[in-house]
Protein backbone atom coordinates (compact mmCIF):
# COMPACT_ATOMS: atom_id res chain seq x y z
CA MET A 1 158.97 270.12 50.93
CA SER A 2 155.52 270.12 51.68
CA LEU A 3 153.66 270.55 48.24
CA PRO A 4 150.12 271.16 46.68
CA PHE A 5 148.58 267.65 45.94
CA SER A 6 148.94 268.27 41.92
CA ALA A 7 150.74 266.88 39.39
CA GLU A 8 152.46 270.45 38.62
CA SER A 9 154.34 270.17 42.02
CA ALA A 10 156.75 267.36 40.36
CA ARG A 11 157.83 269.99 38.30
CA TYR A 12 159.07 271.69 41.58
CA VAL A 13 160.54 269.02 43.37
CA ARG A 14 162.52 267.98 39.90
CA ASP A 15 163.78 271.66 40.41
CA ALA A 16 164.61 271.53 43.44
CA LEU A 17 166.42 268.37 44.03
CA ALA A 18 168.34 269.32 40.61
CA ASN A 19 169.68 272.13 42.13
CA TRP A 20 170.86 270.71 45.50
CA LEU A 21 172.23 267.86 43.80
CA THR A 22 174.01 270.07 41.57
CA TYR A 23 175.45 272.04 44.31
CA ARG A 24 176.96 269.03 45.84
CA GLY A 25 178.64 268.18 42.67
CA SER A 26 176.62 265.26 41.37
CA ARG A 27 176.88 263.95 38.25
CA SER A 28 174.56 264.98 35.44
CA ASP A 29 173.40 261.37 34.92
CA VAL A 30 173.14 261.05 38.48
CA VAL A 31 171.06 264.57 38.58
CA GLN A 32 168.68 263.30 35.68
CA ASP A 33 167.99 259.80 37.40
CA ALA A 34 166.85 261.45 40.86
CA ARG A 35 165.18 264.25 38.70
CA LEU A 36 162.96 261.12 36.84
CA VAL A 37 162.62 258.96 40.07
CA ALA A 38 161.22 262.09 42.02
CA THR A 39 158.64 262.69 39.04
CA GLU A 40 157.74 259.14 38.79
CA LEU A 41 156.98 259.05 42.85
CA VAL A 42 155.04 262.49 43.04
CA GLY A 43 153.03 261.72 40.18
CA ASN A 44 152.37 258.24 41.58
CA ALA A 45 151.09 259.95 44.96
CA VAL A 46 149.09 262.50 42.84
CA ARG A 47 147.19 259.73 40.18
CA HIS A 48 146.91 256.54 42.63
CA ALA A 49 146.67 258.31 46.73
CA SER A 50 145.00 260.82 48.52
CA PRO A 51 146.53 264.28 50.08
CA LEU A 52 148.00 264.37 53.35
CA ASP A 53 145.31 265.92 55.62
CA ASN A 54 146.48 269.58 55.08
CA GLY A 55 146.00 268.73 51.18
CA THR A 56 149.71 268.59 50.38
CA VAL A 57 152.13 265.86 49.58
CA LEU A 58 155.18 265.91 51.44
CA VAL A 59 158.64 265.12 49.77
CA ARG A 60 162.12 264.81 51.49
CA TRP A 61 165.52 263.53 50.46
CA HIS A 62 168.86 263.78 52.53
CA GLN A 63 172.74 262.17 51.99
CA THR A 64 173.14 258.95 53.57
CA ASN A 65 176.95 257.11 52.92
CA GLY A 66 177.12 258.34 49.49
CA ASP A 67 173.29 257.52 48.58
CA LEU A 68 170.48 259.70 48.16
CA GLU A 69 167.47 258.65 49.83
CA LEU A 70 164.15 260.42 48.51
CA SER A 71 160.73 259.82 49.94
CA VAL A 72 157.51 260.78 49.28
CA CYS A 73 154.36 260.84 51.57
CA ASP A 74 150.57 261.24 50.85
CA GLY A 75 147.17 260.20 52.34
CA GLY A 76 147.09 256.57 51.25
CA GLY A 77 145.34 254.83 48.85
CA ALA A 78 143.18 251.54 48.19
CA THR A 79 146.12 249.89 47.20
CA VAL A 80 149.96 248.97 48.10
CA PRO A 81 152.20 250.68 45.72
CA GLN A 82 153.66 247.76 43.87
CA ARG A 83 155.67 247.67 40.42
CA MET A 84 153.72 246.16 37.62
CA GLU A 85 154.36 244.41 34.16
CA PRO A 86 152.20 246.19 31.83
CA ALA A 87 151.68 245.34 27.94
CA PRO A 88 154.00 246.59 25.51
CA ASP A 89 151.02 248.83 24.16
CA ALA A 90 149.89 249.66 27.64
CA LEU A 91 149.60 253.45 28.09
CA ASP A 92 150.53 253.33 31.71
CA GLY A 93 151.60 251.85 34.43
CA ARG A 94 155.35 251.58 33.96
CA GLY A 95 156.25 254.22 37.02
CA LEU A 96 157.48 251.69 39.17
CA ALA A 97 159.55 249.74 37.09
CA ILE A 98 160.94 252.88 35.92
CA VAL A 99 162.05 253.94 39.79
CA ALA A 100 163.82 249.74 40.29
CA ALA A 101 165.54 250.19 37.37
CA LEU A 102 167.10 253.71 38.45
CA SER A 103 167.13 252.91 42.26
CA SER A 104 169.37 250.94 44.21
CA GLN A 105 166.25 250.10 46.19
CA TRP A 106 162.93 251.27 47.00
CA TRP A 107 160.25 250.02 49.48
CA VAL A 108 156.95 251.39 50.96
CA GLU A 109 156.05 252.18 54.55
CA ARG A 110 152.33 252.00 55.03
CA THR A 111 149.84 253.36 58.07
CA SER A 112 146.26 253.27 58.05
CA ARG A 113 146.71 256.79 57.20
CA LEU A 114 149.99 257.46 55.21
CA HIS A 115 152.14 255.87 52.78
CA THR A 116 155.50 256.65 52.16
CA VAL A 117 157.62 255.56 49.34
CA HIS A 118 161.41 255.76 49.46
CA ALA A 119 163.74 255.34 46.81
CA ARG A 120 167.63 255.09 47.10
CA LEU A 121 169.68 256.17 44.35
CA ALA A 122 173.60 256.10 44.37
CA LEU A 123 175.43 259.54 44.24
CA GLU A 124 178.75 257.82 43.11
C-alpha cells in the first residue's frame, strides 16, 4: 500500500491488514497484534522519518512459512530506528518495544535514501 505520509494512514493499514488476515482465517489475537505492530511502525515512520520522494509511506505484508512479514518503508531519518528504554513516566519511546514484544523478529534495512523496518509475526 502506498499511502500519504500522515498519521491517519495508520488507520487504513490497520483496516486493510485486519481484513486480509481475517479473510485468511487468522485468530483474533493474531489480527490484533498485527494491527498494533502496523500502527506502531507507520506512526514511527511519520514521527521520526521523512516521506518517500513521492510524499508517501509504503506498507507491505505477505505470508512466509506460517509467518506474517510486515514492512514499512519511508524516506529515512537522521537516526536508525532502535528500541528505547523510556522512563516509566515517559509519554513516548515505547513503539519499538511494543513491536519487539509482539513479533518474533524485527529489523531495519537502511540505505542513504530509504529506511525499511520489518517485523515478523507468527500466524499460527
